[in-house]
Amino acid sequence: MSSFTQSAPAQSAAHSRTDSSPTASSRTSSAAPTQADLLAFVRRVAEDRDLIASLPLDPEGRTWLRLEGPDGSEAWLIGWPPGTGTGWHDHAESVGAFLTAGGALTENSLAARLPTDGWKTLELSEDVDRERKLTAGEGRAFGRHHVHEVLNESPTEHAVSVHAYYPPLPRIRRYSRTGPVLRLESVERPEDWQ
């Protein structure tokens, strides 16, 4: 059975880091995990029904548990109250994967490669928006600089998801969006959420 040490309500899953003794990876090499490895890991964790059920769910704010990901990756189990979301953000140089373990989530993303640095405002073309509905057991992997927002659009049901990133999050860039205009609002680094 998997274990963990702490959970906390929050606006961002990356704001509280704790060490834990979580679900282990079946990989035994020390090679960097790929997107496919991370997706396989979050799928295995989501199948651990005892771990999923152990996550405290808050009626107003997201909750999370930090897990030990495969081969030095960062992993999280996140609870989403009805109507909550992340806002637009990316994970900078990290690749990642997430999977819905309970309920349903919506991912809105941009199907465009954005400049990585040196800009504050971009006007997006009309064809860059993508939307995915991810119900329990459905997930996705993504590459570096993937800009998205994740939402629990249910008015009544919690959702639970498992996330993994490699390398561990070096920074998170947060954006605001008005129509086609995407604005860089802030850059968070690990020391901002530890």
Protein backbone atom coordinates (compact mmCIF):
# COMPACT_ATOMS: atom_id res chain seq x y z
CA MET A 1 0.00 0.00 0.00
CA SER A 2 1.21 3.51 -0.77
CA SER A 3 1.76 6.12 1.89
CA PHE A 4 2.18 9.88 2.18
CA THR A 5 2.96 12.43 4.83
CA GLN A 6 1.01 15.63 4.32
CA SER A 7 -1.79 17.36 2.47
CA ALA A 8 -2.83 20.97 2.36
CA PRO A 9 -5.51 23.06 0.67
CA ALA A 10 -4.15 25.39 -1.97
CA GLN A 11 -4.53 27.30 -5.17
CA SER A 12 -1.59 25.60 -6.88
CA ALA A 13 -0.35 22.06 -6.51
CA ALA A 14 3.21 23.30 -6.61
CA HIS A 15 2.92 25.50 -3.52
CA SER A 16 3.57 22.92 -0.82
CA ARG A 17 6.34 20.37 -1.04
CA THR A 18 6.73 17.51 1.38
CA ASP A 19 8.69 14.30 1.33
CA SER A 20 6.81 11.02 1.27
CA SER A 21 7.10 7.31 0.70
CA PRO A 22 4.76 6.85 -2.24
CA THR A 23 3.96 4.48 -5.02
CA ALA A 24 7.19 3.20 -6.52
CA SER A 25 8.02 3.15 -10.18
CA SER A 26 8.62 -0.16 -11.91
CA ARG A 27 11.58 1.41 -13.76
CA THR A 28 14.89 0.48 -12.26
CA SER A 29 17.27 2.45 -14.47
CA SER A 30 18.51 5.92 -13.59
CA ALA A 31 17.73 7.32 -17.05
CA ALA A 32 15.52 10.38 -17.18
CA PRO A 33 11.87 9.37 -17.43
CA THR A 34 10.15 10.09 -20.73
CA GLN A 35 6.65 11.44 -21.21
CA ALA A 36 5.48 7.85 -21.76
CA ASP A 37 7.17 6.74 -18.51
CA LEU A 38 5.44 9.54 -16.61
CA LEU A 39 2.07 8.66 -18.13
CA ALA A 40 2.54 4.99 -17.19
CA PHE A 41 3.46 6.07 -13.65
CA VAL A 42 0.39 8.28 -13.15
CA ARG A 43 -1.78 5.47 -14.52
CA ARG A 44 -0.34 3.01 -11.95
CA VAL A 45 -0.82 5.49 -9.11
CA ALA A 46 -4.42 6.16 -10.16
CA GLU A 47 -5.12 2.42 -9.89
CA ASP A 48 -4.15 2.51 -6.18
CA ARG A 49 -7.69 3.02 -4.90
CA ASP A 50 -6.56 3.16 -1.24
CA LEU A 51 -4.19 6.03 -2.00
CA ILE A 52 -6.82 7.90 -4.04
CA ALA A 53 -9.39 7.47 -1.25
CA SER A 54 -6.88 8.72 1.36
CA LEU A 55 -6.67 12.21 -0.17
CA PRO A 56 -8.61 14.65 2.01
CA LEU A 57 -11.04 16.65 -0.12
CA ASP A 58 -11.79 20.26 0.81
CA PRO A 59 -15.12 21.77 -0.33
CA GLU A 60 -13.47 25.07 -1.31
CA GLY A 61 -9.78 24.67 -2.18
CA ARG A 62 -7.62 22.16 -3.97
CA THR A 63 -5.74 19.66 -1.80
CA TRP A 64 -2.67 17.67 -2.66
CA LEU A 65 -0.11 15.10 -1.59
CA ARG A 66 3.42 15.07 -2.90
CA LEU A 67 4.50 11.64 -4.16
CA GLU A 68 7.86 10.24 -5.14
CA GLY A 69 7.91 10.00 -8.92
CA PRO A 70 10.01 7.65 -11.01
CA ASP A 71 13.73 8.34 -11.39
CA GLY A 72 13.79 11.69 -9.61
CA SER A 73 10.60 13.12 -11.09
CA GLU A 74 8.14 15.21 -9.08
CA ALA A 75 4.63 13.81 -8.60
CA TRP A 76 1.39 14.99 -7.03
CA LEU A 77 -2.03 13.62 -6.13
CA ILE A 78 -4.50 16.54 -6.40
CA GLY A 79 -8.11 16.95 -5.25
CA TRP A 80 -10.29 19.42 -7.17
CA PRO A 81 -13.49 20.78 -5.60
CA PRO A 82 -16.34 21.61 -7.99
CA GLY A 83 -15.66 24.71 -10.07
CA THR A 84 -11.90 24.98 -9.39
CA GLY A 85 -9.00 25.28 -11.81
CA THR A 86 -5.37 26.21 -12.23
CA GLY A 87 -5.51 29.23 -14.49
CA TRP A 88 -3.27 29.37 -17.57
CA HIS A 89 0.30 28.24 -16.87
CA ASP A 90 3.21 26.16 -18.14
CA HIS A 91 5.86 23.99 -16.49
CA ALA A 92 8.83 25.58 -18.25
CA GLU A 93 11.51 23.01 -19.09
CA SER A 94 9.72 20.02 -17.56
CA VAL A 95 7.87 17.32 -19.47
CA GLY A 96 4.86 15.88 -17.72
CA ALA A 97 1.78 13.74 -17.60
CA PHE A 98 -1.47 13.73 -15.70
CA LEU A 99 -4.42 11.39 -15.40
CA THR A 100 -7.88 11.79 -13.91
CA ALA A 101 -8.33 9.23 -11.12
CA GLY A 102 -11.87 10.24 -10.18
CA GLY A 103 -14.50 12.60 -11.53
CA ALA A 104 -13.76 14.57 -14.70
CA LEU A 105 -11.37 17.35 -15.67
CA THR A 106 -11.15 19.64 -18.67
CA GLU A 107 -7.80 20.68 -20.10
CA ASN A 108 -7.69 23.76 -22.31
CA SER A 109 -4.35 24.05 -24.07
CA LEU A 110 -2.58 25.92 -26.83
CA ALA A 111 -1.49 23.94 -29.87
CA ALA A 112 1.30 26.39 -30.63
CA ARG A 113 4.93 26.67 -29.64
CA LEU A 114 5.33 29.94 -27.74
CA PRO A 115 8.59 31.82 -27.29
CA THR A 116 10.11 30.62 -24.02
CA ASP A 117 11.37 33.98 -22.74
CA GLY A 118 11.57 37.66 -23.57
CA TRP A 119 7.87 38.49 -24.02
CA LYS A 120 5.03 39.84 -21.90
CA THR A 121 2.06 39.81 -24.31
CA LEU A 122 1.21 37.64 -27.32
CA GLU A 123 -1.74 37.67 -29.67
CA LEU A 124 -2.77 34.11 -30.45
CA SER A 125 -4.18 32.95 -33.78
CA GLU A 126 -7.71 31.54 -33.92
CA ASP A 127 -6.69 27.93 -34.50
CA VAL A 128 -4.51 27.31 -31.43
CA ASP A 129 -7.14 26.38 -28.83
CA ARG A 130 -7.59 22.73 -27.87
CA GLU A 131 -9.99 21.27 -25.32
CA ARG A 132 -9.87 17.78 -23.82
CA LYS A 133 -12.38 16.24 -21.44
CA LEU A 134 -10.65 13.66 -19.27
CA THR A 135 -12.84 11.33 -17.25
CA ALA A 136 -11.59 8.75 -14.73
CA GLY A 137 -8.81 6.66 -16.28
CA GLU A 138 -8.03 9.17 -19.04
CA GLY A 139 -4.84 11.18 -19.14
CA ARG A 140 -2.22 12.75 -21.32
CA ALA A 141 1.47 13.48 -21.53
CA PHE A 142 2.96 16.78 -22.67
CA GLY A 143 6.28 18.31 -23.62
CA ARG A 144 8.29 21.27 -22.44
CA HIS A 145 6.66 24.72 -22.42
CA HIS A 146 3.13 23.26 -22.75
CA VAL A 147 0.67 26.08 -21.93
CA HIS A 148 -2.64 24.92 -20.46
CA GLU A 149 -5.25 25.28 -17.78
CA VAL A 150 -6.96 22.40 -15.97
CA LEU A 151 -10.52 22.75 -14.64
CA ASN A 152 -13.10 20.79 -12.71
CA GLU A 153 -16.22 22.16 -14.41
CA SER A 154 -18.65 20.02 -12.41
CA PRO A 155 -20.97 22.08 -10.23
CA THR A 156 -21.32 19.25 -7.69
CA GLU A 157 -18.58 16.57 -7.93
CA HIS A 158 -14.96 16.54 -6.79
CA ALA A 159 -12.27 15.29 -9.17
CA VAL A 160 -8.93 13.68 -8.29
CA SER A 161 -5.88 13.53 -10.54
CA VAL A 162 -2.27 12.33 -10.51
CA HIS A 163 0.52 14.47 -12.04
CA ALA A 164 4.24 13.86 -12.68
CA TYR A 165 6.99 16.16 -14.02
CA TYR A 166 10.62 15.72 -15.02
CA PRO A 167 12.83 17.40 -14.20
CA PRO A 168 11.19 18.53 -10.95
CA LEU A 169 9.51 21.86 -11.65
CA PRO A 170 12.23 24.51 -12.15
CA ARG A 171 9.61 27.23 -12.52
CA ILE A 172 5.98 27.80 -13.38
CA ARG A 173 4.93 30.70 -15.57
CA ARG A 174 1.41 32.00 -14.95
CA TYR A 175 -0.62 33.75 -17.63
CA SER A 176 -3.84 35.68 -17.97
CA ARG A 177 -5.91 35.47 -21.10
CA THR A 178 -8.44 37.85 -22.60
CA GLY A 179 -9.75 36.60 -25.95
CA PRO A 180 -6.72 36.04 -28.19
CA VAL A 181 -4.32 37.96 -25.90
CA LEU A 182 -2.08 35.92 -23.60
CA ARG A 183 -0.17 37.89 -20.97
CA LEU A 184 2.71 36.65 -18.80
CA GLU A 185 1.71 37.61 -15.24
CA SER A 186 4.32 35.98 -13.02
CA VAL A 187 7.11 33.44 -12.82
CA GLU A 188 7.25 31.18 -9.76
CA ARG A 189 10.38 29.31 -8.75
CA PRO A 190 10.69 26.45 -6.23
CA GLU A 191 11.70 28.83 -3.43
CA ASP A 192 8.35 30.61 -3.93
CA TRP A 193 6.31 27.53 -3.02
CA GLN A 194 8.54 25.61 -0.58
